[in-house]
PDB file of N, CA and C in Angstrom:
ATOM      1  N   MET A   1     -12.951  -6.916 -12.684  1.00  0.00           N
ATOM      2  CA  MET A   1     -11.607  -7.602 -12.020  1.00  0.00           C
ATOM      3  C   MET A   1     -10.459  -7.194 -12.440  1.00  0.00           C
ATOM      4  N   GLN A   2     -10.256  -6.669 -13.511  1.00  0.00           N
ATOM      5  CA  GLN A   2      -8.935  -6.159 -13.948  1.00  0.00           C
ATOM      6  C   GLN A   2      -8.344  -4.836 -13.206  1.00  0.00           C
ATOM      7  N   THR A   3      -9.436  -4.028 -12.696  1.00  0.00           N
ATOM      8  CA  THR A   3      -9.155  -3.054 -11.671  1.00  0.00           C
ATOM      9  C   THR A   3      -8.627  -3.521 -10.499  1.00  0.00           C
ATOM     10  N   ALA A   4      -9.427  -4.498  -9.994  1.00  0.00           N
ATOM     11  CA  ALA A   4      -8.814  -5.252  -8.797  1.00  0.00           C
ATOM     12  C   ALA A   4      -7.395  -5.900  -8.920  1.00  0.00           C
ATOM     13  N   ARG A   5      -7.206  -6.304 -10.012  1.00  0.00           N
ATOM     14  CA  ARG A   5      -5.744  -6.733 -10.051  1.00  0.00           C
ATOM     15  C   ARG A   5      -4.752  -5.583 -10.146  1.00  0.00           C
ATOM     16  N   HIS A   6      -4.990  -4.503 -10.764  1.00  0.00           N
ATOM     17  CA  HIS A   6      -4.384  -3.491 -10.757  1.00  0.00           C
ATOM     18  C   HIS A   6      -4.307  -2.863  -9.275  1.00  0.00           C
ATOM     19  N   THR A   7      -5.378  -2.838  -8.694  1.00  0.00           N
ATOM     20  CA  THR A   7      -5.419  -2.521  -7.161  1.00  0.00           C
ATOM     21  C   THR A   7      -4.392  -3.375  -6.303  1.00  0.00           C
ATOM     22  N   VAL A   8      -4.122  -4.616  -6.664  1.00  0.00           N
ATOM     23  CA  VAL A   8      -3.454  -5.478  -5.890  1.00  0.00           C
ATOM     24  C   VAL A   8      -2.007  -5.140  -6.147  1.00  0.00           C
ATOM     25  N   ASP A   9      -1.619  -4.880  -7.378  1.00  0.00           N
ATOM     26  CA  ASP A   9      -0.329  -4.549  -7.808  1.00  0.00           C
ATOM     27  C   ASP A   9      -0.019  -3.338  -7.098  1.00  0.00           C
ATOM     28  N   ALA A  10      -0.948  -2.333  -7.080  1.00  0.00           N
ATOM     29  CA  ALA A  10      -0.428  -0.935  -6.123  1.00  0.00           C
ATOM     30  C   ALA A  10      -0.350  -1.306  -4.960  1.00  0.00           C
ATOM     31  N   LEU A  11      -0.979  -2.315  -4.305  1.00  0.00           N
ATOM     32  CA  LEU A  11      -0.796  -2.506  -3.010  1.00  0.00           C
ATOM     33  C   LEU A  11       0.582  -3.047  -2.748  1.00  0.00           C
ATOM     34  N   HIS A  12       1.030  -3.963  -3.614  1.00  0.00           N
ATOM     35  CA  HIS A  12       2.419  -4.439  -3.325  1.00  0.00           C
ATOM     36  C   HIS A  12       3.312  -3.462  -3.477  1.00  0.00           C
ATOM     37  N   TYR A  13       3.379  -2.558  -4.520  1.00  0.00           N
ATOM     38  CA  TYR A  13       4.212  -1.556  -4.785  1.00  0.00           C
ATOM     39  C   TYR A  13       4.326  -0.557  -3.522  1.00  0.00           C
ATOM     40  N   VAL A  14       3.139  -0.163  -3.064  1.00  0.00           N
ATOM     41  CA  VAL A  14       3.034   0.674  -1.896  1.00  0.00           C
ATOM     42  C   VAL A  14       3.481   0.171  -0.527  1.00  0.00           C
ATOM     43  N   GLU A  15       3.369  -1.149  -0.553  1.00  0.00           N
ATOM     44  CA  GLU A  15       3.852  -1.758   0.570  1.00  0.00           C
ATOM     45  C   GLU A  15       5.330  -1.859   0.833  1.00  0.00           C
ATOM     46  N   ARG A  16       5.939  -2.085  -0.423  1.00  0.00           N
ATOM     47  CA  ARG A  16       7.400  -2.042  -0.495  1.00  0.00           C
ATOM     48  C   ARG A  16       7.994  -0.723  -0.302  1.00  0.00           C
ATOM     49  N   LEU A  17       7.341   0.330  -0.648  1.00  0.00           N
ATOM     50  CA  LEU A  17       7.836   1.753  -0.567  1.00  0.00           C
ATOM     51  C   LEU A  17       7.651   1.994   0.970  1.00  0.00           C
ATOM     52  N   ARG A  18       6.544   1.637   1.842  1.00  0.00           N
ATOM     53  CA  ARG A  18       6.245   1.866   3.057  1.00  0.00           C
ATOM     54  C   ARG A  18       7.359   1.239   3.793  1.00  0.00           C
ATOM     55  N   ARG A  19       7.798   0.012   3.544  1.00  0.00           N
ATOM     56  CA  ARG A  19       9.033  -0.600   4.236  1.00  0.00           C
ATOM     57  C   ARG A  19      10.177  -0.086   4.126  1.00  0.00           C
ATOM     58  N   THR A  20      10.473   0.540   2.682  1.00  0.00           N
ATOM     59  CA  THR A  20      11.785   1.227   2.605  1.00  0.00           C
ATOM     60  C   THR A  20      11.744   2.407   3.368  1.00  0.00           C
ATOM     61  N   THR A  21      10.690   3.255   3.384  1.00  0.00           N
ATOM     62  CA  THR A  21      10.658   4.512   3.983  1.00  0.00           C
ATOM     63  C   THR A  21      10.649   4.554   5.446  1.00  0.00           C
ATOM     64  N   ALA A  22      10.133   3.306   6.059  1.00  0.00           N
ATOM     65  CA  ALA A  22      10.322   3.088   7.663  1.00  0.00           C
ATOM     66  C   ALA A  22      11.792   2.574   7.882  1.00  0.00           C
ATOM     67  N   ILE A  23      12.521   1.923   7.076  1.00  0.00           N
ATOM     68  CA  ILE A  23      13.748   1.717   7.288  1.00  0.00           C
ATOM     69  C   ILE A  23      14.696   2.784   7.149  1.00  0.00           C
ATOM     70  N   LEU A  24      14.393   3.693   6.293  1.00  0.00           N
ATOM     71  CA  LEU A  24      15.331   4.926   5.984  1.00  0.00           C
ATOM     72  C   LEU A  24      14.852   5.853   7.261  1.00  0.00           C
ATOM     73  N   ALA A  25      13.807   5.877   7.730  1.00  0.00           N
ATOM     74  CA  ALA A  25      13.458   6.753   9.131  1.00  0.00           C
ATOM     75  C   ALA A  25      13.996   6.216  10.284  1.00  0.00           C
ATOM     76  N   ALA A  26      14.345   4.843  10.376  1.00  0.00           N
ATOM     77  CA  ALA A  26      15.024   4.361  11.551  1.00  0.00           C
ATOM     78  C   ALA A  26      16.558   4.489  11.321  1.00  0.00           C
ATOM     79  N   GLN A  27      17.029   4.364  10.237  1.00  0.00           N
ATOM     80  CA  GLN A  27      18.454   4.329   9.888  1.00  0.00           C
ATOM     81  C   GLN A  27      19.038   5.350   9.059  1.00  0.00           C
ATOM     82  N   GLY A  28      18.411   6.084   8.492  1.00  0.00           N
ATOM     83  CA  GLY A  28      18.772   6.966   7.660  1.00  0.00           C
ATOM     84  C   GLY A  28      19.306   8.365   8.393  1.00  0.00           C
ATOM     85  N   ASN A  29      19.567   9.412   7.582  1.00  0.00           N
ATOM     86  CA  ASN A  29      20.141  10.661   7.906  1.00  0.00           C
ATOM     87  C   ASN A  29      19.077  11.332   8.861  1.00  0.00           C
ATOM     88  N   PRO A  30      19.791  11.530  10.259  1.00  0.00           N
ATOM     89  CA  PRO A  30      18.881  12.015  11.288  1.00  0.00           C
ATOM     90  C   PRO A  30      18.120  13.608  10.795  1.00  0.00           C
ATOM     91  N   ALA A  31      18.682  14.049   9.878  1.00  0.00           N
ATOM     92  CA  ALA A  31      18.055  15.293   9.582  1.00  0.00           C
ATOM     93  C   ALA A  31      16.414  15.145   8.641  1.00  0.00           C
ATOM     94  N   ALA A  32      16.288  13.768   8.236  1.00  0.00           N
ATOM     95  CA  ALA A  32      15.216  13.503   7.460  1.00  0.00           C
ATOM     96  C   ALA A  32      14.437  12.518   8.039  1.00  0.00           C
ATOM     97  N   ARG A  33      14.666  12.050   9.372  1.00  0.00           N
ATOM     98  CA  ARG A  33      14.084  10.940  10.006  1.00  0.00           C
ATOM     99  C   ARG A  33      12.460  11.298  10.312  1.00  0.00           C
ATOM    100  N   TYR A  34      12.183  12.530  10.853  1.00  0.00           N
ATOM    101  CA  TYR A  34      11.005  12.886  11.243  1.00  0.00           C
ATOM    102  C   TYR A  34       9.986  12.830   9.910  1.00  0.00           C
ATOM    103  N   GLN A  35      10.490  13.547   8.932  1.00  0.00           N
ATOM    104  CA  GLN A  35       9.716  13.533   7.650  1.00  0.00           C
ATOM    105  C   GLN A  35       9.451  12.111   6.959  1.00  0.00           C
ATOM    106  N   LEU A  36      10.636  11.480   6.909  1.00  0.00           N
ATOM    107  CA  LEU A  36      10.278   9.830   6.642  1.00  0.00           C
ATOM    108  C   LEU A  36       9.396   9.008   7.320  1.00  0.00           C
ATOM    109  N   ALA A  37       9.337   9.179   8.787  1.00  0.00           N
ATOM    110  CA  ALA A  37       8.576   8.663   9.656  1.00  0.00           C
ATOM    111  C   ALA A  37       7.156   9.177   9.448  1.00  0.00           C
ATOM    112  N   ASP A  38       6.952  10.311   9.024  1.00  0.00           N
ATOM    113  CA  ASP A  38       5.626  10.920   8.882  1.00  0.00           C
ATOM    114  C   ASP A  38       5.111  10.333   7.380  1.00  0.00           C
ATOM    115  N   ALA A  39       6.001  10.125   6.516  1.00  0.00           N
ATOM    116  CA  ALA A  39       5.711   9.626   5.236  1.00  0.00           C
ATOM    117  C   ALA A  39       5.370   8.153   5.323  1.00  0.00           C
ATOM    118  N   ALA A  40       5.922   7.364   6.201  1.00  0.00           N
ATOM    119  CA  ALA A  40       5.718   5.922   6.303  1.00  0.00           C
ATOM    120  C   ALA A  40       4.271   5.825   6.943  1.00  0.00           C
ATOM    121  N   LEU A  41       3.924   6.624   7.813  1.00  0.00           N
ATOM    122  CA  LEU A  41       2.419   6.614   8.308  1.00  0.00           C
ATOM    123  C   LEU A  41       1.344   7.120   7.277  1.00  0.00           C
ATOM    124  N   ASP A  42       1.715   8.067   6.435  1.00  0.00           N
ATOM    125  CA  ASP A  42       0.758   8.387   5.400  1.00  0.00           C
ATOM    126  C   ASP A  42       0.812   7.222   4.385  1.00  0.00           C
ATOM    127  N   LEU A  43       1.820   6.618   4.099  1.00  0.00           N
ATOM    128  CA  LEU A  43       1.675   5.261   3.297  1.00  0.00           C
ATOM    129  C   LEU A  43       0.839   4.295   3.826  1.00  0.00           C
ATOM    130  N   ARG A  44       0.916   4.109   5.076  1.00  0.00           N
ATOM    131  CA  ARG A  44       0.142   2.848   5.922  1.00  0.00           C
ATOM    132  C   ARG A  44      -1.297   3.301   5.676  1.00  0.00           C
ATOM    133  N   SER A  45      -1.568   4.527   5.791  1.00  0.00           N
ATOM    134  CA  SER A  45      -2.964   5.111   5.647  1.00  0.00           C
ATOM    135  C   SER A  45      -3.388   4.782   4.146  1.00  0.00           C
ATOM    136  N   ALA A  46      -2.515   5.053   3.197  1.00  0.00           N
ATOM    137  CA  ALA A  46      -3.007   4.859   1.752  1.00  0.00           C
ATOM    138  C   ALA A  46      -3.126   3.290   1.476  1.00  0.00           C
ATOM    139  N   LEU A  47      -2.099   2.435   2.143  1.00  0.00           N
ATOM    140  CA  LEU A  47      -2.444   1.072   1.818  1.00  0.00           C
ATOM    141  C   LEU A  47      -3.858   0.649   2.668  1.00  0.00           C
ATOM    142  N   ASP A  48      -4.349   1.172   3.749  1.00  0.00           N
ATOM    143  CA  ASP A  48      -5.680   0.917   4.335  1.00  0.00           C
ATOM    144  C   ASP A  48      -6.726   1.259   3.323  1.00  0.00           C
ATOM    145  N   ARG A  49      -6.557   2.462   2.728  1.00  0.00           N
ATOM    146  CA  ARG A  49      -7.753   2.605   1.632  1.00  0.00           C
ATOM    147  C   ARG A  49      -7.541   1.676   0.391  1.00  0.00           C
ATOM    148  N   LEU A  50      -6.256   1.561   0.086  1.00  0.00           N
ATOM    149  CA  LEU A  50      -6.312   0.542  -1.027  1.00  0.00           C
ATOM    150  C   LEU A  50      -6.812  -0.771  -0.708  1.00  0.00           C
ATOM    151  N   HIS A  51      -6.677  -1.470   0.434  1.00  0.00           N
ATOM    152  CA  HIS A  51      -7.315  -2.639   0.799  1.00  0.00           C
ATOM    153  C   HIS A  51      -8.826  -2.469   0.758  1.00  0.00           C
ATOM    154  N   GLU A  52      -9.305  -1.396   1.272  1.00  0.00           N
ATOM    155  CA  GLU A  52     -10.739  -1.145   1.186  1.00  0.00           C
ATOM    156  C   GLU A  52     -11.175  -1.007  -0.110  1.00  0.00           C
ATOM    157  N   ALA A  53     -10.594  -0.251  -1.014  1.00  0.00           N
ATOM    158  CA  ALA A  53     -10.898  -0.341  -2.403  1.00  0.00           C
ATOM    159  C   ALA A  53     -11.022  -1.715  -3.218  1.00  0.00           C
ATOM    160  N   ARG A  54      -9.797  -2.538  -2.936  1.00  0.00           N
ATOM    161  CA  ARG A  54      -9.673  -3.677  -3.510  1.00  0.00           C
ATOM    162  C   ARG A  54     -10.956  -4.482  -2.950  1.00  0.00           C
ATOM    163  N   ASP A  55     -11.286  -4.379  -1.776  1.00  0.00           N
ATOM    164  CA  ASP A  55     -12.499  -5.178  -1.183  1.00  0.00           C
ATOM    165  C   ASP A  55     -13.700  -4.950  -1.792  1.00  0.00           C
ATOM    166  N   GLU A  56     -13.987  -3.563  -2.074  1.00  0.00           N
ATOM    167  CA  GLU A  56     -15.325  -3.148  -2.724  1.00  0.00           C
ATOM    168  C   GLU A  56     -15.331  -3.698  -4.227  1.00  0.00           C
ATOM    169  N   LEU A  57     -14.150  -3.504  -4.888  1.00  0.00           N
ATOM    170  CA  LEU A  57     -14.159  -4.032  -6.310  1.00  0.00           C
ATOM    171  C   LEU A  57     -14.387  -5.527  -6.475  1.00  0.00           C
ATOM    172  N   LEU A  58     -13.819  -6.305  -5.398  1.00  0.00           N
ATOM    173  CA  LEU A  58     -13.965  -7.664  -5.431  1.00  0.00           C
ATOM    174  C   LEU A  58     -15.472  -7.918  -5.107  1.00  0.00           C
ATOM    175  N   LYS A  59     -15.998  -7.144  -4.304  1.00  0.00           N
ATOM    176  CA  LYS A  59     -17.496  -7.371  -3.834  1.00  0.00           C
ATOM    177  C   LYS A  59     -18.352  -7.083  -5.197  1.00  0.00           C
ATOM    178  N   ALA A  60     -18.138  -5.969  -5.864  1.00  0.00           N
ATOM    179  CA  ALA A  60     -18.837  -5.796  -7.095  1.00  0.00           C
ATOM    180  C   ALA A  60     -18.793  -6.814  -8.113  1.00  0.00           C
ATOM    181  N   ALA A  61     -17.514  -7.355  -8.252  1.00  0.00           N
ATOM    182  CA  ALA A  61     -17.057  -8.450  -9.399  1.00  0.00           C
ATOM    183  C   ALA A  61     -17.774  -9.811  -8.696  1.00  0.00           C
ATOM    184  N   GLY A  62     -18.160  -9.970  -7.596  1.00  0.00           N
ATOM    185  CA  GLY A  62     -18.691 -11.022  -6.979  1.00  0.00           C
ATOM    186  C   GLY A  62     -17.840 -12.096  -6.612  1.00  0.00           C
ATOM    187  N   ALA A  63     -16.481 -11.543  -6.542  1.00  0.00           N
ATOM    188  CA  ALA A  63     -15.375 -12.410  -6.211  1.00  0.00           C
ATOM    189  C   ALA A  63     -15.092 -12.345  -4.545  1.00  0.00           C
ATOM    190  N   ASP A  64     -14.107 -13.195  -4.148  1.00  0.00           N
ATOM    191  CA  ASP A  64     -13.658 -13.145  -2.684  1.00  0.00           C
ATOM    192  C   ASP A  64     -12.005 -13.038  -2.789  1.00  0.00           C
ATOM    193  N   ARG A  65     -11.563 -13.052  -3.987  1.00  0.00           N
ATOM    194  CA  ARG A  65     -10.172 -12.838  -4.195  1.00  0.00           C
ATOM    195  C   ARG A  65      -9.588 -12.508  -5.656  1.00  0.00           C
ATOM    196  N   VAL A  66      -8.628 -12.002  -5.796  1.00  0.00           N
ATOM    197  CA  VAL A  66      -8.089 -11.745  -7.231  1.00  0.00           C
ATOM    198  C   VAL A  66      -7.391 -13.137  -7.652  1.00  0.00           C
ATOM    199  N   THR A  67      -7.663 -13.361  -8.932  1.00  0.00           N
ATOM    200  CA  THR A  67      -6.916 -14.487  -9.615  1.00  0.00           C
ATOM    201  C   THR A  67      -6.169 -14.258 -10.640  1.00  0.00           C
ATOM    202  N   ASP A  68      -5.557 -14.915 -11.362  1.00  0.00           N
ATOM    203  CA  ASP A  68      -4.514 -14.754 -12.314  1.00  0.00           C
ATOM    204  C   ASP A  68      -5.011 -14.872 -13.688  1.00  0.00           C
ATOM    205  N   VAL A  69      -6.247 -15.302 -13.741  1.00  0.00           N
ATOM    206  CA  VAL A  69      -6.985 -15.663 -15.116  1.00  0.00           C
ATOM    207  C   VAL A  69      -6.916 -14.667 -15.930  1.00  0.00           C
TER     208      VAL A  69
END
């Protein structure tokens, strides 16, 4: 269950990073917009995989959500 908690923490951090990257892609320096947009898509894929990992960890622990216990 501890690994699932850490995975949820990583989900939050990566989501914040993805949002920030998307904002920079839309409003940042035009010279880097393509690379930032590409990075935002990569982060979206990473989030999808982290969600899958969290779900598998919860299934293995016999839980349906992460608790703060």
